[in-house]
Amino acid sequence: MSAAPILEPDPAILSAVRTLEAERDGLDTLRDAIAGPVGRDFARAVELASAARGRIIVTGMGKSGHVARKIAATLASTGTPSHYVHPGEASHGDLGMIQPDDVILAISWSGETRELGDIISYAKRFRVGLIAITSDPDSALGRQAGVCLTLPKAREACPNGLAPTTSTTMQLALGDALAVALLETRGFSPQDYHVFHPGGRLGAHLKQVATVMHRGERMPLVPLGTSMADAIVIQSQKGFGCVVVVNGAGVLAGIVTDGDIRRHMGPDLLAKRVEEVMTANPTVIGPGMLLGEALEIVESRQRSALVVVEAGQPVGLVHVLDLLRAGVA
């Protein structure tokens, strides 16, 4: 019996692995730089940006410009007002978008990008804060910046060492690090994030339970002492597969679910009172909880409905179908 042929590794896969390894090495080098010699400058950049009374103006040319657009979008979506200004357009009127209260974040690997010249001059003339991201602190950009974030030298993934690959990955990662540091400095919360992300599945996760819960007459409420015969009628009418039991003061006492009914199934079930069948101390949530958190509770605890409680009293009910309709799952 002949041996199976040895398959040669696919060249495309090997190329992809080499690229990812090169970019990973670049990120490792960047991490070490931030943890070491660049750390103080990074802290100064965060301080300068967080103190800005205006916006963060992000700029760059070519591939650095594409990275700059993404960084501006990330900053804006995480509570730091920001927008991108194209260096070429800046020289033809868009400098008017930059105000003295703003801070400029200029990105250039070489630091000698000719198109950034007018923005740099404008920053110096009107005393606009300037943060540079460059690999050369002695470049034109690096020398003029109030804070220079020096990117460590790293091997491009391109086999010719020409196409920006590792370098742009490092620029992007440093921009993300800056955005997250500013987010944490500002105490930006998930609720704040939802203000800027109202659409899509992410927006659904960040909505609050109060926006989808059933309340008032829609709730299957019964008082202690209710017979199971009557409780089952209420359960069927409301269509949530449960009834919520309250005491005389309207405080939550328990919940009767389909599972509770099955466990107590017998000839005397309808004659029993709800307190004999109910689950006391059921899983409850607050109206301010995010839908994403509510979904996690539903899935981890295998609940089909959650009682929404405020000051001990049930104020709403959320069914798993409500979460699905809201687009959370």
C-alpha atoms as a PDB file:
ATOM      1  CA  MET A   1       0.000   0.000   0.000  1.00  0.00           C
ATOM      2  CA  SER A   2       1.523   3.305  -1.090  1.00  0.00           C
ATOM      3  CA  ALA A   3       1.951   6.142   1.368  1.00  0.00           C
ATOM      4  CA  ALA A   4      -0.382   9.109   1.121  1.00  0.00           C
ATOM      5  CA  PRO A   5       1.184  12.033  -0.778  1.00  0.00           C
ATOM      6  CA  ILE A   6       2.518  14.869   1.365  1.00  0.00           C
ATOM      7  CA  LEU A   7       0.552  18.000   0.570  1.00  0.00           C
ATOM      8  CA  GLU A   8       2.496  21.198   0.202  1.00  0.00           C
ATOM      9  CA  PRO A   9       1.194  24.104   2.359  1.00  0.00           C
ATOM     10  CA  ASP A  10      -0.935  26.539   0.408  1.00  0.00           C
ATOM     11  CA  PRO A  11       1.227  29.600  -0.471  1.00  0.00           C
ATOM     12  CA  ALA A  12      -1.687  31.960   0.203  1.00  0.00           C
ATOM     13  CA  ILE A  13      -2.099  30.597   3.731  1.00  0.00           C
ATOM     14  CA  LEU A  14       1.629  30.903   4.397  1.00  0.00           C
ATOM     15  CA  SER A  15       1.529  34.488   3.121  1.00  0.00           C
ATOM     16  CA  ALA A  16      -1.395  35.324   5.396  1.00  0.00           C
ATOM     17  CA  VAL A  17       0.384  33.857   8.403  1.00  0.00           C
ATOM     18  CA  ARG A  18       3.540  35.857   7.643  1.00  0.00           C
ATOM     19  CA  THR A  19       1.491  39.045   7.354  1.00  0.00           C
ATOM     20  CA  LEU A  20      -0.286  38.494  10.643  1.00  0.00           C
ATOM     21  CA  GLU A  21       2.950  37.600  12.378  1.00  0.00           C
ATOM     22  CA  ALA A  22       4.608  40.790  11.110  1.00  0.00           C
ATOM     23  CA  GLU A  23       1.701  42.938  12.263  1.00  0.00           C
ATOM     24  CA  ARG A  24       1.554  41.127  15.597  1.00  0.00           C
ATOM     25  CA  ASP A  25       5.236  41.833  16.106  1.00  0.00           C
ATOM     26  CA  GLY A  26       4.576  45.488  15.348  1.00  0.00           C
ATOM     27  CA  LEU A  27       1.806  45.645  17.926  1.00  0.00           C
ATOM     28  CA  ASP A  28       4.010  43.933  20.499  1.00  0.00           C
ATOM     29  CA  THR A  29       6.696  46.542  19.865  1.00  0.00           C
ATOM     30  CA  LEU A  30       4.129  49.339  20.153  1.00  0.00           C
ATOM     31  CA  ARG A  31       2.813  47.928  23.432  1.00  0.00           C
ATOM     32  CA  ASP A  32       6.321  47.849  24.872  1.00  0.00           C
ATOM     33  CA  ALA A  33       6.904  51.435  23.730  1.00  0.00           C
ATOM     34  CA  ILE A  34       3.709  52.674  25.407  1.00  0.00           C
ATOM     35  CA  ALA A  35       4.606  50.774  28.570  1.00  0.00           C
ATOM     36  CA  GLY A  36       8.056  52.359  28.428  1.00  0.00           C
ATOM     37  CA  PRO A  37       9.551  55.406  26.696  1.00  0.00           C
ATOM     38  CA  VAL A  38       6.395  56.609  24.914  1.00  0.00           C
ATOM     39  CA  GLY A  39       4.151  56.232  27.960  1.00  0.00           C
ATOM     40  CA  ARG A  40       4.714  59.713  29.358  1.00  0.00           C
ATOM     41  CA  ASP A  41       3.958  61.316  25.993  1.00  0.00           C
ATOM     42  CA  PHE A  42       0.822  59.183  25.668  1.00  0.00           C
ATOM     43  CA  ALA A  43      -0.400  60.384  29.070  1.00  0.00           C
ATOM     44  CA  ARG A  44       0.278  63.982  27.995  1.00  0.00           C
ATOM     45  CA  ALA A  45      -1.684  63.422  24.780  1.00  0.00           C
ATOM     46  CA  VAL A  46      -4.669  62.100  26.743  1.00  0.00           C
ATOM     47  CA  GLU A  47      -4.460  65.093  29.085  1.00  0.00           C
ATOM     48  CA  LEU A  48      -4.296  67.571  26.185  1.00  0.00           C
ATOM     49  CA  ALA A  49      -7.157  65.925  24.291  1.00  0.00           C
ATOM     50  CA  SER A  50      -9.418  65.569  27.336  1.00  0.00           C
ATOM     51  CA  ALA A  51      -8.912  69.235  28.239  1.00  0.00           C
ATOM     52  CA  ALA A  52      -9.926  70.441  24.764  1.00  0.00           C
ATOM     53  CA  ARG A  53     -13.000  72.635  24.874  1.00  0.00           C
ATOM     54  CA  GLY A  54     -13.535  72.055  21.172  1.00  0.00           C
ATOM     55  CA  ARG A  55     -13.091  68.946  19.048  1.00  0.00           C
ATOM     56  CA  ILE A  56     -10.285  66.605  18.123  1.00  0.00           C
ATOM     57  CA  ILE A  57      -9.386  67.272  14.485  1.00  0.00           C
ATOM     58  CA  VAL A  58      -7.808  64.141  13.026  1.00  0.00           C
ATOM     59  CA  THR A  59      -5.803  64.474   9.814  1.00  0.00           C
ATOM     60  CA  GLY A  60      -3.476  62.466   7.637  1.00  0.00           C
ATOM     61  CA  MET A  61      -2.698  61.798   3.982  1.00  0.00           C
ATOM     62  CA  GLY A  62      -2.891  58.603   1.935  1.00  0.00           C
ATOM     63  CA  LYS A  63      -3.154  55.421   4.000  1.00  0.00           C
ATOM     64  CA  SER A  64      -2.610  57.478   7.147  1.00  0.00           C
ATOM     65  CA  GLY A  65      -5.630  59.499   6.074  1.00  0.00           C
ATOM     66  CA  HIS A  66      -7.804  56.405   5.914  1.00  0.00           C
ATOM     67  CA  VAL A  67      -6.619  55.465   9.404  1.00  0.00           C
ATOM     68  CA  ALA A  68      -7.312  59.030  10.567  1.00  0.00           C
ATOM     69  CA  ARG A  69     -10.917  58.803   9.369  1.00  0.00           C
ATOM     70  CA  LYS A  70     -11.452  55.643  11.392  1.00  0.00           C
ATOM     71  CA  ILE A  71      -9.860  57.153  14.505  1.00  0.00           C
ATOM     72  CA  ALA A  72     -12.058  60.253  14.185  1.00  0.00           C
ATOM     73  CA  ALA A  73     -15.147  58.038  13.938  1.00  0.00           C
ATOM     74  CA  THR A  74     -14.096  56.018  16.990  1.00  0.00           C
ATOM     75  CA  LEU A  75     -13.433  59.154  19.031  1.00  0.00           C
ATOM     76  CA  ALA A  76     -16.784  60.678  18.072  1.00  0.00           C
ATOM     77  CA  SER A  77     -18.704  57.495  18.896  1.00  0.00           C
ATOM     78  CA  THR A  78     -17.108  57.211  22.340  1.00  0.00           C
ATOM     79  CA  GLY A  79     -17.838  60.680  23.653  1.00  0.00           C
ATOM     80  CA  THR A  80     -14.928  62.737  22.275  1.00  0.00           C
ATOM     81  CA  PRO A  81     -16.252  65.208  19.660  1.00  0.00           C
ATOM     82  CA  SER A  82     -14.110  64.722  16.587  1.00  0.00           C
ATOM     83  CA  HIS A  83     -13.992  64.899  12.815  1.00  0.00           C
ATOM     84  CA  TYR A  84     -11.553  64.312   9.983  1.00  0.00           C
ATOM     85  CA  VAL A  85     -10.047  67.124   7.916  1.00  0.00           C
ATOM     86  CA  HIS A  86      -8.315  66.252   4.641  1.00  0.00           C
ATOM     87  CA  PRO A  87      -4.908  67.994   4.471  1.00  0.00           C
ATOM     88  CA  GLY A  88      -5.333  68.906   0.815  1.00  0.00           C
ATOM     89  CA  GLU A  89      -8.781  70.398   1.327  1.00  0.00           C
ATOM     90  CA  ALA A  90      -7.521  72.212   4.415  1.00  0.00           C
ATOM     91  CA  SER A  91      -5.265  74.313   2.174  1.00  0.00           C
ATOM     92  CA  HIS A  92      -8.294  75.327   0.127  1.00  0.00           C
ATOM     93  CA  GLY A  93     -10.632  76.600   2.828  1.00  0.00           C
ATOM     94  CA  ASP A  94     -11.197  73.736   5.224  1.00  0.00           C
ATOM     95  CA  LEU A  95      -8.734  75.250   7.697  1.00  0.00           C
ATOM     96  CA  GLY A  96     -11.792  77.235   8.729  1.00  0.00           C
ATOM     97  CA  MET A  97     -13.131  74.042  10.291  1.00  0.00           C
ATOM     98  CA  ILE A  98     -10.342  74.175  12.870  1.00  0.00           C
ATOM     99  CA  GLN A  99     -10.878  76.496  15.830  1.00  0.00           C
ATOM    100  CA  PRO A 100      -8.489  77.631  18.610  1.00  0.00           C
ATOM    101  CA  ASP A 101     -10.316  75.463  21.170  1.00  0.00           C
ATOM    102  CA  ASP A 102      -9.697  72.329  19.097  1.00  0.00           C
ATOM    103  CA  VAL A 103      -6.791  69.895  19.282  1.00  0.00           C
ATOM    104  CA  ILE A 104      -5.259  68.480  16.100  1.00  0.00           C
ATOM    105  CA  LEU A 105      -4.181  64.838  15.892  1.00  0.00           C
ATOM    106  CA  ALA A 106      -1.919  64.565  12.829  1.00  0.00           C
ATOM    107  CA  ILE A 107      -0.788  61.165  11.534  1.00  0.00           C
ATOM    108  CA  SER A 108       2.208  60.621   9.267  1.00  0.00           C
ATOM    109  CA  TRP A 109       4.626  57.698   9.364  1.00  0.00           C
ATOM    110  CA  SER A 110       7.521  59.765   8.015  1.00  0.00           C
ATOM    111  CA  GLY A 111       6.439  63.031   9.605  1.00  0.00           C
ATOM    112  CA  GLU A 112       7.397  64.795   6.369  1.00  0.00           C
ATOM    113  CA  THR A 113       4.062  64.666   4.547  1.00  0.00           C
ATOM    114  CA  ARG A 114       4.074  67.846   2.471  1.00  0.00           C
ATOM    115  CA  GLU A 115       0.293  68.284   2.519  1.00  0.00           C
ATOM    116  CA  LEU A 116       0.317  68.611   6.336  1.00  0.00           C
ATOM    117  CA  GLY A 117       2.436  71.771   6.140  1.00  0.00           C
ATOM    118  CA  ASP A 118      -0.437  74.258   6.094  1.00  0.00           C
ATOM    119  CA  ILE A 119      -2.213  72.542   8.988  1.00  0.00           C
ATOM    120  CA  ILE A 120       0.984  72.591  11.053  1.00  0.00           C
ATOM    121  CA  SER A 121       1.527  76.297  10.279  1.00  0.00           C
ATOM    122  CA  TYR A 122      -2.098  77.069  11.109  1.00  0.00           C
ATOM    123  CA  ALA A 123      -1.773  75.248  14.435  1.00  0.00           C
ATOM    124  CA  LYS A 124       1.297  77.267  15.377  1.00  0.00           C
ATOM    125  CA  ARG A 125      -0.211  80.576  14.244  1.00  0.00           C
ATOM    126  CA  PHE A 126      -3.458  80.193  16.192  1.00  0.00           C
ATOM    127  CA  ARG A 127      -2.019  78.201  19.112  1.00  0.00           C
ATOM    128  CA  VAL A 128      -4.079  75.110  18.375  1.00  0.00           C
ATOM    129  CA  GLY A 129      -2.906  72.054  20.322  1.00  0.00           C
ATOM    130  CA  LEU A 130      -1.074  69.603  18.067  1.00  0.00           C
ATOM    131  CA  ILE A 131      -0.527  65.894  18.761  1.00  0.00           C
ATOM    132  CA  ALA A 132       1.603  63.963  16.281  1.00  0.00           C
ATOM    133  CA  ILE A 133       1.651  60.247  15.542  1.00  0.00           C
ATOM    134  CA  THR A 134       4.837  59.577  13.602  1.00  0.00           C
ATOM    135  CA  SER A 135       7.826  57.265  13.564  1.00  0.00           C
ATOM    136  CA  ASP A 136      10.317  60.162  13.481  1.00  0.00           C
ATOM    137  CA  PRO A 137      10.240  62.659  16.367  1.00  0.00           C
ATOM    138  CA  ASP A 138      12.864  64.774  14.550  1.00  0.00           C
ATOM    139  CA  SER A 139      10.685  65.172  11.460  1.00  0.00           C
ATOM    140  CA  ALA A 140       8.911  68.409  10.572  1.00  0.00           C
ATOM    141  CA  LEU A 141       5.721  67.142  12.191  1.00  0.00           C
ATOM    142  CA  GLY A 142       7.447  65.676  15.228  1.00  0.00           C
ATOM    143  CA  ARG A 143       9.382  68.872  15.983  1.00  0.00           C
ATOM    144  CA  GLN A 144       6.357  71.160  15.704  1.00  0.00           C
ATOM    145  CA  ALA A 145       3.963  69.011  17.732  1.00  0.00           C
ATOM    146  CA  GLY A 146       3.181  69.870  21.323  1.00  0.00           C
ATOM    147  CA  VAL A 147       3.082  66.119  22.005  1.00  0.00           C
ATOM    148  CA  CYS A 148       4.768  63.569  19.753  1.00  0.00           C
ATOM    149  CA  LEU A 149       3.680  59.946  19.990  1.00  0.00           C
ATOM    150  CA  THR A 150       6.619  58.143  18.414  1.00  0.00           C
ATOM    151  CA  LEU A 151       5.786  54.887  16.696  1.00  0.00           C
ATOM    152  CA  PRO A 152       8.595  52.341  17.030  1.00  0.00           C
ATOM    153  CA  LYS A 153      10.248  51.077  13.854  1.00  0.00           C
ATOM    154  CA  ALA A 154       8.728  47.847  12.628  1.00  0.00           C
ATOM    155  CA  ARG A 155       8.923  45.590   9.588  1.00  0.00           C
ATOM    156  CA  GLU A 156       6.144  46.052   7.054  1.00  0.00           C
ATOM    157  CA  ALA A 157       4.270  42.876   6.171  1.00  0.00           C
ATOM    158  CA  CYS A 158       4.723  43.734   2.494  1.00  0.00           C
ATOM    159  CA  PRO A 159       7.633  41.568   1.217  1.00  0.00           C
ATOM    160  CA  ASN A 160       9.059  44.628  -0.541  1.00  0.00           C
ATOM    161  CA  GLY A 161       8.882  46.641   2.662  1.00  0.00           C
ATOM    162  CA  LEU A 162       6.939  49.346   0.824  1.00  0.00           C
ATOM    163  CA  ALA A 163       3.157  49.014   1.194  1.00  0.00           C
ATOM    164  CA  PRO A 164       1.921  50.437   4.533  1.00  0.00           C
ATOM    165  CA  THR A 165       0.711  47.382   6.439  1.00  0.00           C
ATOM    166  CA  THR A 166       2.306  46.940   9.849  1.00  0.00           C
ATOM    167  CA  SER A 167       2.746  50.701  10.124  1.00  0.00           C
ATOM    168  CA  THR A 168      -0.932  51.482   9.533  1.00  0.00           C
ATOM    169  CA  THR A 169      -1.960  48.703  11.920  1.00  0.00           C
ATOM    170  CA  MET A 170       0.174  50.354  14.595  1.00  0.00           C
ATOM    171  CA  GLN A 171      -1.300  53.788  13.813  1.00  0.00           C
ATOM    172  CA  LEU A 172      -4.810  52.407  14.105  1.00  0.00           C
ATOM    173  CA  ALA A 173      -4.060  50.586  17.348  1.00  0.00           C
ATOM    174  CA  LEU A 174      -2.526  53.697  18.887  1.00  0.00           C
ATOM    175  CA  GLY A 175      -5.603  55.694  17.877  1.00  0.00           C
ATOM    176  CA  ASP A 176      -7.837  53.091  19.506  1.00  0.00           C
ATOM    177  CA  ALA A 177      -5.715  53.222  22.661  1.00  0.00           C
ATOM    178  CA  LEU A 178      -6.095  56.994  22.751  1.00  0.00           C
ATOM    179  CA  ALA A 179      -9.875  56.792  22.222  1.00  0.00           C
ATOM    180  CA  VAL A 180     -10.335  54.203  24.978  1.00  0.00           C
ATOM    181  CA  ALA A 181      -8.160  56.169  27.408  1.00  0.00           C
ATOM    182  CA  LEU A 182     -10.271  59.277  26.729  1.00  0.00           C
ATOM    183  CA  LEU A 183     -13.456  57.218  27.110  1.00  0.00           C
ATOM    184  CA  GLU A 184     -12.329  56.031  30.523  1.00  0.00           C
ATOM    185  CA  THR A 185     -11.166  59.514  31.527  1.00  0.00           C
ATOM    186  CA  ARG A 186     -14.617  60.902  30.727  1.00  0.00           C
ATOM    187  CA  GLY A 187     -16.451  58.071  32.499  1.00  0.00           C
ATOM    188  CA  PHE A 188     -18.321  57.233  29.296  1.00  0.00           C
ATOM    189  CA  SER A 189     -21.094  54.709  30.132  1.00  0.00           C
ATOM    190  CA  PRO A 190     -23.035  52.169  28.051  1.00  0.00           C
ATOM    191  CA  GLN A 191     -26.021  54.517  28.250  1.00  0.00           C
ATOM    192  CA  ASP A 192     -23.888  57.302  26.778  1.00  0.00           C
ATOM    193  CA  TYR A 193     -22.738  54.913  24.050  1.00  0.00           C
ATOM    194  CA  HIS A 194     -26.348  54.171  23.111  1.00  0.00           C
ATOM    195  CA  VAL A 195     -26.956  57.870  22.431  1.00  0.00           C
ATOM    196  CA  PHE A 196     -24.526  57.608  19.503  1.00  0.00           C
ATOM    197  CA  HIS A 197     -25.503  54.035  18.459  1.00  0.00           C
ATOM    198  CA  PRO A 198     -29.317  53.880  18.390  1.00  0.00           C
ATOM    199  CA  GLY A 199     -29.520  51.583  15.353  1.00  0.00           C
ATOM    200  CA  GLY A 200     -28.837  47.930  14.628  1.00  0.00           C
ATOM    201  CA  ARG A 201     -28.251  45.023  16.953  1.00  0.00           C
ATOM    202  CA  LEU A 202     -25.748  46.976  19.039  1.00  0.00           C
ATOM    203  CA  GLY A 203     -28.341  49.691  19.561  1.00  0.00           C
ATOM    204  CA  ALA A 204     -30.875  47.076  20.640  1.00  0.00           C
ATOM    205  CA  HIS A 205     -28.474  45.680  23.236  1.00  0.00           C
ATOM    206  CA  LEU A 206     -28.075  49.179  24.666  1.00  0.00           C
ATOM    207  CA  LYS A 207     -31.777  49.934  24.995  1.00  0.00           C
ATOM    208  CA  GLN A 208     -33.280  49.756  28.445  1.00  0.00           C
ATOM    209  CA  VAL A 209     -35.830  47.216  29.652  1.00  0.00           C
ATOM    210  CA  ALA A 210     -38.369  50.006  30.255  1.00  0.00           C
ATOM    211  CA  THR A 211     -38.606  50.550  26.484  1.00  0.00           C
ATOM    212  CA  VAL A 212     -40.011  47.066  25.782  1.00  0.00           C
ATOM    213  CA  MET A 213     -41.608  45.828  29.006  1.00  0.00           C
ATOM    214  CA  HIS A 214     -45.349  45.204  29.349  1.00  0.00           C
ATOM    215  CA  ARG A 215     -47.017  47.244  32.055  1.00  0.00           C
ATOM    216  CA  GLY A 216     -50.381  48.171  33.531  1.00  0.00           C
ATOM    217  CA  GLU A 217     -53.327  46.136  32.260  1.00  0.00           C
ATOM    218  CA  ARG A 218     -51.027  43.968  30.149  1.00  0.00           C
ATOM    219  CA  MET A 219     -49.404  42.452  33.238  1.00  0.00           C
ATOM    220  CA  PRO A 220     -50.713  39.089  34.533  1.00  0.00           C
ATOM    221  CA  LEU A 221     -51.036  40.159  38.181  1.00  0.00           C
ATOM    222  CA  VAL A 222     -52.916  38.210  40.847  1.00  0.00           C
ATOM    223  CA  PRO A 223     -53.024  38.684  44.639  1.00  0.00           C
ATOM    224  CA  LEU A 224     -52.100  36.103  47.246  1.00  0.00           C
ATOM    225  CA  GLY A 225     -55.045  33.818  47.946  1.00  0.00           C
ATOM    226  CA  THR A 226     -56.092  33.565  44.294  1.00  0.00           C
ATOM    227  CA  SER A 227     -57.164  30.062  43.309  1.00  0.00           C
ATOM    228  CA  MET A 228     -55.128  28.296  40.684  1.00  0.00           C
ATOM    229  CA  ALA A 229     -58.284  27.943  38.607  1.00  0.00           C
ATOM    230  CA  ASP A 230     -58.549  31.740  38.382  1.00  0.00           C
ATOM    231  CA  ALA A 231     -54.792  32.173  37.990  1.00  0.00           C
ATOM    232  CA  ILE A 232     -54.696  29.847  34.984  1.00  0.00           C
ATOM    233  CA  VAL A 233     -57.484  31.852  33.364  1.00  0.00           C
ATOM    234  CA  ILE A 234     -55.441  35.080  33.830  1.00  0.00           C
ATOM    235  CA  GLN A 235     -52.335  33.334  32.520  1.00  0.00           C
ATOM    236  CA  SER A 236     -54.161  32.237  29.372  1.00  0.00           C
ATOM    237  CA  GLN A 237     -55.683  35.688  28.811  1.00  0.00           C
ATOM    238  CA  LYS A 238     -52.393  37.562  29.089  1.00  0.00           C
ATOM    239  CA  GLY A 239     -50.405  35.042  27.052  1.00  0.00           C
ATOM    240  CA  PHE A 240     -47.039  35.223  28.841  1.00  0.00           C
ATOM    241  CA  GLY A 241     -47.003  31.707  30.265  1.00  0.00           C
ATOM    242  CA  CYS A 242     -46.967  32.968  33.855  1.00  0.00           C
ATOM    243  CA  VAL A 243     -48.777  34.990  36.489  1.00  0.00           C
ATOM    244  CA  VAL A 244     -47.104  37.409  38.904  1.00  0.00           C
ATOM    245  CA  VAL A 245     -48.253  37.161  42.510  1.00  0.00           C
ATOM    246  CA  VAL A 246     -48.342  40.198  44.822  1.00  0.00           C
ATOM    247  CA  ASN A 247     -49.286  40.707  48.472  1.00  0.00           C
ATOM    248  CA  GLY A 248     -51.824  43.167  49.794  1.00  0.00           C
ATOM    249  CA  ALA A 249     -49.333  46.042  49.570  1.00  0.00           C
ATOM    250  CA  GLY A 250     -48.594  45.298  45.936  1.00  0.00           C
ATOM    251  CA  VAL A 251     -45.135  43.909  46.724  1.00  0.00           C
ATOM    252  CA  LEU A 252     -43.893  40.976  44.667  1.00  0.00           C
ATOM    253  CA  ALA A 253     -44.526  37.660  46.429  1.00  0.00           C
ATOM    254  CA  GLY A 254     -43.718  35.182  43.672  1.00  0.00           C
ATOM    255  CA  ILE A 255     -44.436  33.916  40.175  1.00  0.00           C
ATOM    256  CA  VAL A 256     -46.371  30.953  38.831  1.00  0.00           C
ATOM    257  CA  THR A 257     -44.917  29.614  35.592  1.00  0.00           C
ATOM    258  CA  ASP A 258     -45.829  26.749  33.283  1.00  0.00           C
ATOM    259  CA  GLY A 259     -43.042  24.800  34.972  1.00  0.00           C
ATOM    260  CA  ASP A 260     -44.589  25.355  38.416  1.00  0.00           C
ATOM    261  CA  ILE A 261     -47.940  24.128  37.127  1.00  0.00           C
ATOM    262  CA  ARG A 262     -46.397  20.976  35.671  1.00  0.00           C
ATOM    263  CA  ARG A 263     -44.589  20.232  38.933  1.00  0.00           C
ATOM    264  CA  HIS A 264     -47.845  20.500  40.910  1.00  0.00           C
ATOM    265  CA  MET A 265     -50.041  18.764  38.373  1.00  0.00           C
ATOM    266  CA  GLY A 266     -52.688  16.649  40.106  1.00  0.00           C
ATOM    267  CA  PRO A 267     -56.418  16.313  40.660  1.00  0.00           C
ATOM    268  CA  ASP A 268     -56.397  19.075  43.309  1.00  0.00           C
ATOM    269  CA  LEU A 269     -54.350  21.633  41.346  1.00  0.00           C
ATOM    270  CA  LEU A 270     -57.253  23.941  40.486  1.00  0.00           C
ATOM    271  CA  ALA A 271     -58.339  24.065  44.130  1.00  0.00           C
ATOM    272  CA  LYS A 272     -54.927  25.155  45.375  1.00  0.00           C
ATOM    273  CA  ARG A 273     -53.976  28.759  46.072  1.00  0.00           C
ATOM    274  CA  VAL A 274     -51.236  30.460  44.070  1.00  0.00           C
ATOM    275  CA  GLU A 275     -48.941  30.635  47.119  1.00  0.00           C
ATOM    276  CA  GLU A 276     -48.927  26.830  47.252  1.00  0.00           C
ATOM    277  CA  VAL A 277     -47.635  26.576  43.685  1.00  0.00           C
ATOM    278  CA  MET A 278     -45.647  29.736  43.034  1.00  0.00           C
ATOM    279  CA  THR A 279     -41.892  30.184  43.017  1.00  0.00           C
ATOM    280  CA  ALA A 280     -41.045  32.666  45.744  1.00  0.00           C
ATOM    281  CA  ASN A 281     -38.191  35.114  45.211  1.00  0.00           C
ATOM    282  CA  PRO A 282     -38.190  34.837  41.387  1.00  0.00           C
ATOM    283  CA  THR A 283     -35.499  36.362  39.189  1.00  0.00           C
ATOM    284  CA  VAL A 284     -36.201  40.077  38.871  1.00  0.00           C
ATOM    285  CA  ILE A 285     -34.646  42.955  36.955  1.00  0.00           C
ATOM    286  CA  GLY A 286     -34.904  46.742  37.043  1.00  0.00           C
ATOM    287  CA  PRO A 287     -36.432  48.969  34.338  1.00  0.00           C
ATOM    288  CA  GLY A 288     -33.051  50.594  33.720  1.00  0.00           C
ATOM    289  CA  MET A 289     -31.278  47.332  32.859  1.00  0.00           C
ATOM    290  CA  LEU A 290     -29.949  47.061  29.298  1.00  0.00           C
ATOM    291  CA  LEU A 291     -31.653  44.585  26.991  1.00  0.00           C
ATOM    292  CA  GLY A 292     -28.342  42.859  26.370  1.00  0.00           C
ATOM    293  CA  GLU A 293     -28.028  42.155  30.102  1.00  0.00           C
ATOM    294  CA  ALA A 294     -31.640  40.946  30.267  1.00  0.00           C
ATOM    295  CA  LEU A 295     -30.974  38.530  27.404  1.00  0.00           C
ATOM    296  CA  GLU A 296     -27.948  37.154  29.242  1.00  0.00           C
ATOM    297  CA  ILE A 297     -30.110  36.459  32.313  1.00  0.00           C
ATOM    298  CA  VAL A 298     -32.827  34.806  30.212  1.00  0.00           C
ATOM    299  CA  GLU A 299     -30.280  32.527  28.557  1.00  0.00           C
ATOM    300  CA  SER A 300     -28.110  31.722  31.578  1.00  0.00           C
ATOM    301  CA  ARG A 301     -31.019  31.040  33.954  1.00  0.00           C
ATOM    302  CA  GLN A 302     -33.331  29.535  31.334  1.00  0.00           C
ATOM    303  CA  ARG A 303     -36.213  31.898  31.990  1.00  0.00           C
ATOM    304  CA  SER A 304     -38.912  32.727  29.453  1.00  0.00           C
ATOM    305  CA  ALA A 305     -40.083  35.855  31.305  1.00  0.00           C
ATOM    306  CA  LEU A 306     -38.580  38.281  33.799  1.00  0.00           C
ATOM    307  CA  VAL A 307     -40.458  40.424  36.305  1.00  0.00           C
ATOM    308  CA  VAL A 308     -39.432  44.074  36.305  1.00  0.00           C
ATOM    309  CA  VAL A 309     -39.426  45.439  39.846  1.00  0.00           C
ATOM    310  CA  GLU A 310     -39.091  48.899  41.328  1.00  0.00           C
ATOM    311  CA  ALA A 311     -39.088  49.461  45.115  1.00  0.00           C
ATOM    312  CA  GLY A 312     -40.205  45.863  45.576  1.00  0.00           C
ATOM    313  CA  GLN A 313     -43.281  46.238  43.392  1.00  0.00           C
ATOM    314  CA  PRO A 314     -43.669  44.666  39.932  1.00  0.00           C
ATOM    315  CA  VAL A 315     -43.923  47.439  37.341  1.00  0.00           C
ATOM    316  CA  GLY A 316     -43.480  45.401  34.201  1.00  0.00           C
ATOM    317  CA  LEU A 317     -42.858  42.054  32.550  1.00  0.00           C
ATOM    318  CA  VAL A 318     -40.396  41.192  29.793  1.00  0.00           C
ATOM    319  CA  HIS A 319     -40.802  38.017  27.759  1.00  0.00           C
ATOM    320  CA  VAL A 320     -38.025  36.445  25.722  1.00  0.00           C
ATOM    321  CA  LEU A 321     -40.083  37.180  22.590  1.00  0.00           C
ATOM    322  CA  ASP A 322     -39.916  40.904  23.451  1.00  0.00           C
ATOM    323  CA  LEU A 323     -36.142  40.685  23.377  1.00  0.00           C
ATOM    324  CA  LEU A 324     -36.201  38.886  20.039  1.00  0.00           C
ATOM    325  CA  ARG A 325     -38.573  41.460  18.547  1.00  0.00           C
ATOM    326  CA  ALA A 326     -36.281  44.241  19.782  1.00  0.00           C
ATOM    327  CA  GLY A 327     -33.439  42.675  17.776  1.00  0.00           C
ATOM    328  CA  VAL A 328     -31.192  41.771  20.701  1.00  0.00           C
ATOM    329  CA  ALA A 329     -30.672  38.142  19.681  1.00  0.00           C
END
